[in-house]
Amino acid sequence: MTTSDRADLDSEWLRKGATLSDKTAGKEYGLTQGEIVGAIRAGKLQYRRNSVHENPFLRLLRREVEALVTKKHGDDYLKVQQAKTELAGINRKLKQMKTQVAVLEERRAKLMADLRK
């Protein structure tokens, strides 16, 4: 591996969205922990150990996980899983925004009532 290859790989580990945890890979792509560990042992997935608040997890490269899912289940399955994940994110964001709108409308109504006095 040349120096530029290593630098490219290191930058991939640092790029936002280029990595995901083993838990997220399971949720987003339907992989089991056993499938992930098997792919790591077979050399199909690179990983780095990480922890948050003393809870350990594996960081994986998203492109390698997607390649594994495509090989196991096909390209259509990957596209469906990505669409489901994006839809869940949009729904979550809409729910947050609806809550914020309700708070703002309540505040607006209170201010308008105060101005009428």
N, C-alpha and C. Protein backbone atom coordinates (compact mmCIF):
# COMPACT_ATOMS: atom_id res chain seq x y z
N MET A 1 0.85 -1.18 0.00
CA MET A 1 0.00 0.00 0.00
C MET A 1 0.89 1.24 0.00
N THR A 2 0.66 2.13 -0.95
CA THR A 2 1.48 3.33 -1.04
C THR A 2 0.98 4.37 -0.03
N THR A 3 1.78 5.40 0.13
CA THR A 3 1.44 6.45 1.09
C THR A 3 0.14 7.15 0.70
N SER A 4 -0.07 7.39 -0.60
CA SER A 4 -1.30 8.07 -1.03
C SER A 4 -2.52 7.17 -0.84
N ASP A 5 -2.35 5.84 -1.02
CA ASP A 5 -3.46 4.92 -0.77
C ASP A 5 -3.86 4.95 0.70
N ARG A 6 -2.87 4.96 1.57
CA ARG A 6 -3.15 4.99 3.01
C ARG A 6 -3.82 6.31 3.38
N ALA A 7 -3.36 7.41 2.80
CA ALA A 7 -3.95 8.72 3.09
C ALA A 7 -5.41 8.75 2.63
N ASP A 8 -5.69 8.18 1.45
CA ASP A 8 -7.06 8.13 0.96
C ASP A 8 -7.95 7.32 1.89
N LEU A 9 -7.44 6.17 2.35
CA LEU A 9 -8.20 5.32 3.26
C LEU A 9 -8.43 6.03 4.59
N ASP A 10 -7.40 6.67 5.11
CA ASP A 10 -7.55 7.40 6.37
C ASP A 10 -8.56 8.52 6.24
N SER A 11 -8.55 9.23 5.11
CA SER A 11 -9.51 10.32 4.93
C SER A 11 -10.93 9.77 4.83
N GLU A 12 -11.07 8.57 4.29
CA GLU A 12 -12.40 7.97 4.21
C GLU A 12 -12.96 7.70 5.61
N TRP A 13 -12.11 7.25 6.52
CA TRP A 13 -12.54 6.99 7.89
C TRP A 13 -12.97 8.28 8.58
N LEU A 14 -12.46 9.42 8.15
CA LEU A 14 -12.75 10.70 8.79
C LEU A 14 -13.92 11.44 8.15
N ARG A 15 -14.27 11.07 6.92
CA ARG A 15 -15.30 11.80 6.17
C ARG A 15 -16.69 11.53 6.76
N LYS A 16 -17.45 12.59 6.95
CA LYS A 16 -18.80 12.49 7.51
C LYS A 16 -19.67 11.61 6.61
N GLY A 17 -20.33 10.65 7.22
CA GLY A 17 -21.24 9.77 6.49
C GLY A 17 -20.57 8.57 5.84
N ALA A 18 -19.25 8.53 5.84
CA ALA A 18 -18.54 7.42 5.18
C ALA A 18 -18.46 6.18 6.06
N THR A 19 -18.71 6.36 7.35
CA THR A 19 -18.66 5.21 8.26
C THR A 19 -19.99 5.07 8.98
N LEU A 20 -20.20 3.89 9.53
CA LEU A 20 -21.37 3.64 10.35
C LEU A 20 -21.02 2.55 11.35
N SER A 21 -21.79 2.46 12.40
CA SER A 21 -21.52 1.45 13.42
C SER A 21 -22.10 0.11 12.99
N ASP A 22 -21.65 -0.94 13.65
CA ASP A 22 -22.18 -2.26 13.35
C ASP A 22 -23.68 -2.31 13.68
N LYS A 23 -24.10 -1.60 14.71
CA LYS A 23 -25.52 -1.57 15.08
C LYS A 23 -26.35 -0.87 14.00
N THR A 24 -25.83 0.24 13.49
CA THR A 24 -26.53 0.97 12.43
C THR A 24 -26.58 0.15 11.15
N ALA A 25 -25.51 -0.57 10.85
CA ALA A 25 -25.50 -1.43 9.66
C ALA A 25 -26.59 -2.48 9.77
N GLY A 26 -26.80 -2.99 10.97
CA GLY A 26 -27.87 -3.96 11.18
C GLY A 26 -29.25 -3.34 10.96
N LYS A 27 -29.45 -2.14 11.50
CA LYS A 27 -30.75 -1.48 11.38
C LYS A 27 -31.03 -1.02 9.95
N GLU A 28 -30.04 -0.39 9.32
CA GLU A 28 -30.25 0.19 7.99
C GLU A 28 -30.27 -0.85 6.88
N TYR A 29 -29.47 -1.90 7.01
CA TYR A 29 -29.29 -2.84 5.90
C TYR A 29 -29.74 -4.26 6.23
N GLY A 30 -30.25 -4.49 7.43
CA GLY A 30 -30.75 -5.80 7.78
C GLY A 30 -29.69 -6.87 7.99
N LEU A 31 -28.48 -6.46 8.29
CA LEU A 31 -27.40 -7.42 8.54
C LEU A 31 -27.43 -7.86 10.00
N THR A 32 -27.12 -9.13 10.23
CA THR A 32 -27.01 -9.61 11.60
C THR A 32 -25.58 -9.38 12.09
N GLN A 33 -25.41 -9.43 13.40
CA GLN A 33 -24.07 -9.29 13.97
C GLN A 33 -23.17 -10.41 13.46
N GLY A 34 -23.73 -11.60 13.31
CA GLY A 34 -22.96 -12.74 12.80
C GLY A 34 -22.48 -12.53 11.37
N GLU A 35 -23.34 -11.95 10.53
CA GLU A 35 -22.95 -11.66 9.15
C GLU A 35 -21.83 -10.62 9.11
N ILE A 36 -21.92 -9.63 9.97
CA ILE A 36 -20.90 -8.58 10.02
C ILE A 36 -19.56 -9.17 10.47
N VAL A 37 -19.59 -9.95 11.55
CA VAL A 37 -18.35 -10.56 12.05
C VAL A 37 -17.78 -11.53 11.02
N GLY A 38 -18.64 -12.29 10.36
CA GLY A 38 -18.18 -13.22 9.32
C GLY A 38 -17.50 -12.49 8.17
N ALA A 39 -18.07 -11.35 7.76
CA ALA A 39 -17.49 -10.57 6.67
C ALA A 39 -16.16 -9.95 7.10
N ILE A 40 -16.05 -9.56 8.36
CA ILE A 40 -14.78 -9.03 8.87
C ILE A 40 -13.72 -10.12 8.82
N ARG A 41 -14.08 -11.30 9.31
CA ARG A 41 -13.12 -12.41 9.32
C ARG A 41 -12.73 -12.84 7.91
N ALA A 42 -13.65 -12.70 6.96
CA ALA A 42 -13.36 -13.07 5.57
C ALA A 42 -12.59 -11.97 4.84
N GLY A 43 -12.38 -10.83 5.51
CA GLY A 43 -11.64 -9.74 4.90
C GLY A 43 -12.47 -8.86 3.99
N LYS A 44 -13.80 -8.98 4.05
CA LYS A 44 -14.68 -8.18 3.20
C LYS A 44 -15.03 -6.83 3.81
N LEU A 45 -14.90 -6.73 5.13
CA LEU A 45 -15.17 -5.47 5.83
C LEU A 45 -13.98 -5.08 6.69
N GLN A 46 -13.57 -3.83 6.57
CA GLN A 46 -12.58 -3.29 7.49
C GLN A 46 -13.35 -2.69 8.67
N TYR A 47 -12.70 -2.64 9.80
CA TYR A 47 -13.37 -2.08 10.97
C TYR A 47 -12.36 -1.38 11.86
N ARG A 48 -12.90 -0.54 12.70
CA ARG A 48 -12.12 0.08 13.76
C ARG A 48 -12.96 0.01 15.02
N ARG A 49 -12.30 -0.28 16.12
CA ARG A 49 -13.01 -0.34 17.40
C ARG A 49 -13.22 1.09 17.89
N ASN A 50 -14.38 1.31 18.47
CA ASN A 50 -14.71 2.62 18.99
C ASN A 50 -15.61 2.43 20.21
N SER A 51 -15.79 3.47 20.98
CA SER A 51 -16.73 3.39 22.10
C SER A 51 -17.26 4.79 22.40
N VAL A 52 -18.49 4.81 22.87
CA VAL A 52 -19.14 6.04 23.30
C VAL A 52 -19.68 5.78 24.69
N HIS A 53 -19.28 6.59 25.63
CA HIS A 53 -19.70 6.42 27.03
C HIS A 53 -19.43 5.00 27.51
N GLU A 54 -18.26 4.50 27.18
CA GLU A 54 -17.78 3.18 27.57
C GLU A 54 -18.59 2.03 26.96
N ASN A 55 -19.38 2.31 25.91
CA ASN A 55 -20.11 1.26 25.20
C ASN A 55 -19.38 1.00 23.88
N PRO A 56 -18.76 -0.17 23.75
CA PRO A 56 -17.97 -0.46 22.55
C PRO A 56 -18.84 -0.78 21.34
N PHE A 57 -18.32 -0.42 20.17
CA PHE A 57 -18.96 -0.79 18.91
C PHE A 57 -17.90 -0.80 17.82
N LEU A 58 -18.26 -1.34 16.67
CA LEU A 58 -17.34 -1.40 15.53
C LEU A 58 -17.74 -0.33 14.53
N ARG A 59 -16.78 0.43 14.04
CA ARG A 59 -17.02 1.37 12.95
C ARG A 59 -16.69 0.67 11.65
N LEU A 60 -17.57 0.77 10.69
CA LEU A 60 -17.40 0.11 9.39
C LEU A 60 -17.46 1.16 8.30
N LEU A 61 -16.85 0.85 7.17
CA LEU A 61 -16.94 1.74 6.01
C LEU A 61 -18.26 1.48 5.28
N ARG A 62 -19.05 2.53 5.10
CA ARG A 62 -20.37 2.40 4.48
C ARG A 62 -20.29 1.75 3.09
N ARG A 63 -19.31 2.14 2.28
CA ARG A 63 -19.23 1.59 0.92
C ARG A 63 -19.00 0.08 0.95
N GLU A 64 -18.22 -0.40 1.92
CA GLU A 64 -17.98 -1.84 2.03
C GLU A 64 -19.23 -2.58 2.51
N VAL A 65 -19.96 -1.97 3.43
CA VAL A 65 -21.21 -2.57 3.91
C VAL A 65 -22.21 -2.64 2.76
N GLU A 66 -22.32 -1.56 1.99
CA GLU A 66 -23.24 -1.55 0.86
C GLU A 66 -22.85 -2.57 -0.20
N ALA A 67 -21.55 -2.74 -0.43
CA ALA A 67 -21.09 -3.76 -1.38
C ALA A 67 -21.44 -5.15 -0.88
N LEU A 68 -21.29 -5.39 0.41
CA LEU A 68 -21.64 -6.69 1.00
C LEU A 68 -23.14 -6.96 0.86
N VAL A 69 -23.96 -5.97 1.16
CA VAL A 69 -25.41 -6.12 1.07
C VAL A 69 -25.82 -6.37 -0.38
N THR A 70 -25.23 -5.65 -1.31
CA THR A 70 -25.54 -5.84 -2.73
C THR A 70 -25.18 -7.25 -3.17
N LYS A 71 -24.04 -7.74 -2.73
CA LYS A 71 -23.61 -9.08 -3.11
C LYS A 71 -24.52 -10.15 -2.50
N LYS A 72 -24.95 -9.94 -1.25
CA LYS A 72 -25.79 -10.92 -0.56
C LYS A 72 -27.24 -10.91 -1.05
N HIS A 73 -27.80 -9.72 -1.22
CA HIS A 73 -29.23 -9.59 -1.47
C HIS A 73 -29.60 -8.96 -2.81
N GLY A 74 -28.65 -8.38 -3.50
CA GLY A 74 -28.93 -7.74 -4.78
C GLY A 74 -29.07 -6.23 -4.66
N ASP A 75 -28.95 -5.56 -5.80
CA ASP A 75 -28.98 -4.10 -5.85
C ASP A 75 -30.34 -3.54 -5.47
N ASP A 76 -31.42 -4.24 -5.88
CA ASP A 76 -32.77 -3.75 -5.57
C ASP A 76 -33.00 -3.70 -4.06
N TYR A 77 -32.54 -4.72 -3.36
CA TYR A 77 -32.69 -4.77 -1.90
C TYR A 77 -31.99 -3.58 -1.26
N LEU A 78 -30.78 -3.29 -1.73
CA LEU A 78 -30.02 -2.15 -1.19
C LEU A 78 -30.79 -0.85 -1.41
N LYS A 79 -31.33 -0.65 -2.61
CA LYS A 79 -32.06 0.58 -2.90
C LYS A 79 -33.31 0.71 -2.03
N VAL A 80 -34.01 -0.40 -1.80
CA VAL A 80 -35.20 -0.39 -0.95
C VAL A 80 -34.81 -0.03 0.48
N GLN A 81 -33.74 -0.63 0.99
CA GLN A 81 -33.30 -0.35 2.36
C GLN A 81 -32.88 1.10 2.51
N GLN A 82 -32.18 1.65 1.51
CA GLN A 82 -31.77 3.05 1.57
C GLN A 82 -32.98 3.97 1.55
N ALA A 83 -33.98 3.63 0.73
CA ALA A 83 -35.20 4.45 0.67
C ALA A 83 -35.95 4.41 1.99
N LYS A 84 -36.04 3.22 2.61
CA LYS A 84 -36.71 3.10 3.91
C LYS A 84 -35.99 3.93 4.98
N THR A 85 -34.67 3.88 4.96
CA THR A 85 -33.89 4.64 5.94
C THR A 85 -34.09 6.14 5.74
N GLU A 86 -34.06 6.58 4.49
CA GLU A 86 -34.26 8.01 4.21
C GLU A 86 -35.67 8.44 4.61
N LEU A 87 -36.66 7.61 4.32
CA LEU A 87 -38.04 7.93 4.68
C LEU A 87 -38.21 8.04 6.19
N ALA A 88 -37.59 7.14 6.93
CA ALA A 88 -37.65 7.20 8.39
C ALA A 88 -37.02 8.49 8.91
N GLY A 89 -35.92 8.91 8.31
CA GLY A 89 -35.27 10.16 8.70
C GLY A 89 -36.14 11.37 8.41
N ILE A 90 -36.80 11.36 7.26
CA ILE A 90 -37.69 12.46 6.89
C ILE A 90 -38.87 12.52 7.85
N ASN A 91 -39.45 11.36 8.15
CA ASN A 91 -40.58 11.32 9.09
C ASN A 91 -40.18 11.83 10.47
N ARG A 92 -38.99 11.45 10.92
CA ARG A 92 -38.49 11.90 12.22
C ARG A 92 -38.33 13.42 12.22
N LYS A 93 -37.76 13.96 11.15
CA LYS A 93 -37.55 15.41 11.05
C LYS A 93 -38.89 16.15 11.00
N LEU A 94 -39.85 15.61 10.24
CA LEU A 94 -41.17 16.24 10.17
C LEU A 94 -41.85 16.27 11.53
N LYS A 95 -41.71 15.20 12.29
CA LYS A 95 -42.30 15.15 13.63
C LYS A 95 -41.69 16.22 14.52
N GLN A 96 -40.36 16.38 14.45
CA GLN A 96 -39.69 17.42 15.23
C GLN A 96 -40.18 18.80 14.82
N MET A 97 -40.31 19.01 13.52
CA MET A 97 -40.73 20.32 13.02
C MET A 97 -42.17 20.63 13.42
N LYS A 98 -43.04 19.62 13.41
CA LYS A 98 -44.43 19.83 13.83
C LYS A 98 -44.48 20.26 15.29
N THR A 99 -43.65 19.65 16.11
CA THR A 99 -43.58 20.02 17.52
C THR A 99 -43.10 21.46 17.66
N GLN A 100 -42.09 21.83 16.90
CA GLN A 100 -41.58 23.21 16.95
C GLN A 100 -42.63 24.20 16.48
N VAL A 101 -43.37 23.86 15.42
CA VAL A 101 -44.42 24.74 14.91
C VAL A 101 -45.50 24.93 15.98
N ALA A 102 -45.88 23.86 16.66
CA ALA A 102 -46.91 23.97 17.71
C ALA A 102 -46.45 24.90 18.82
N VAL A 103 -45.20 24.79 19.23
CA VAL A 103 -44.66 25.66 20.28
C VAL A 103 -44.66 27.11 19.81
N LEU A 104 -44.23 27.35 18.58
CA LEU A 104 -44.19 28.71 18.05
C LEU A 104 -45.60 29.30 17.91
N GLU A 105 -46.56 28.50 17.46
CA GLU A 105 -47.93 29.00 17.32
C GLU A 105 -48.53 29.34 18.68
N GLU A 106 -48.22 28.53 19.68
CA GLU A 106 -48.70 28.81 21.03
C GLU A 106 -48.10 30.12 21.55
N ARG A 107 -46.83 30.30 21.32
CA ARG A 107 -46.15 31.53 21.75
C ARG A 107 -46.71 32.74 21.01
N ARG A 108 -46.96 32.58 19.71
CA ARG A 108 -47.52 33.66 18.90
C ARG A 108 -48.91 34.05 19.41
N ALA A 109 -49.73 33.06 19.71
CA ALA A 109 -51.08 33.33 20.22
C ALA A 109 -51.02 34.09 21.54
N LYS A 110 -50.08 33.70 22.40
CA LYS A 110 -49.94 34.38 23.70
C LYS A 110 -49.51 35.83 23.50
N LEU A 111 -48.54 36.06 22.61
CA LEU A 111 -48.07 37.42 22.35
C LEU A 111 -49.18 38.28 21.74
N MET A 112 -49.95 37.71 20.81
CA MET A 112 -51.04 38.46 20.19
C MET A 112 -52.11 38.80 21.23
N ALA A 113 -52.38 37.86 22.14
CA ALA A 113 -53.36 38.13 23.20
C ALA A 113 -52.86 39.24 24.12
N ASP A 114 -51.56 39.22 24.42
CA ASP A 114 -50.98 40.27 25.27
C ASP A 114 -51.06 41.63 24.60
N LEU A 115 -50.89 41.68 23.29
CA LEU A 115 -50.95 42.95 22.56
C LEU A 115 -52.37 43.52 22.52
N ARG A 116 -53.37 42.69 22.58
CA ARG A 116 -54.76 43.15 22.53
C ARG A 116 -55.20 43.78 23.85
N LYS A 117 -54.49 43.52 24.92
CA LYS A 117 -54.88 44.04 26.25
C LYS A 117 -54.67 45.51 26.37
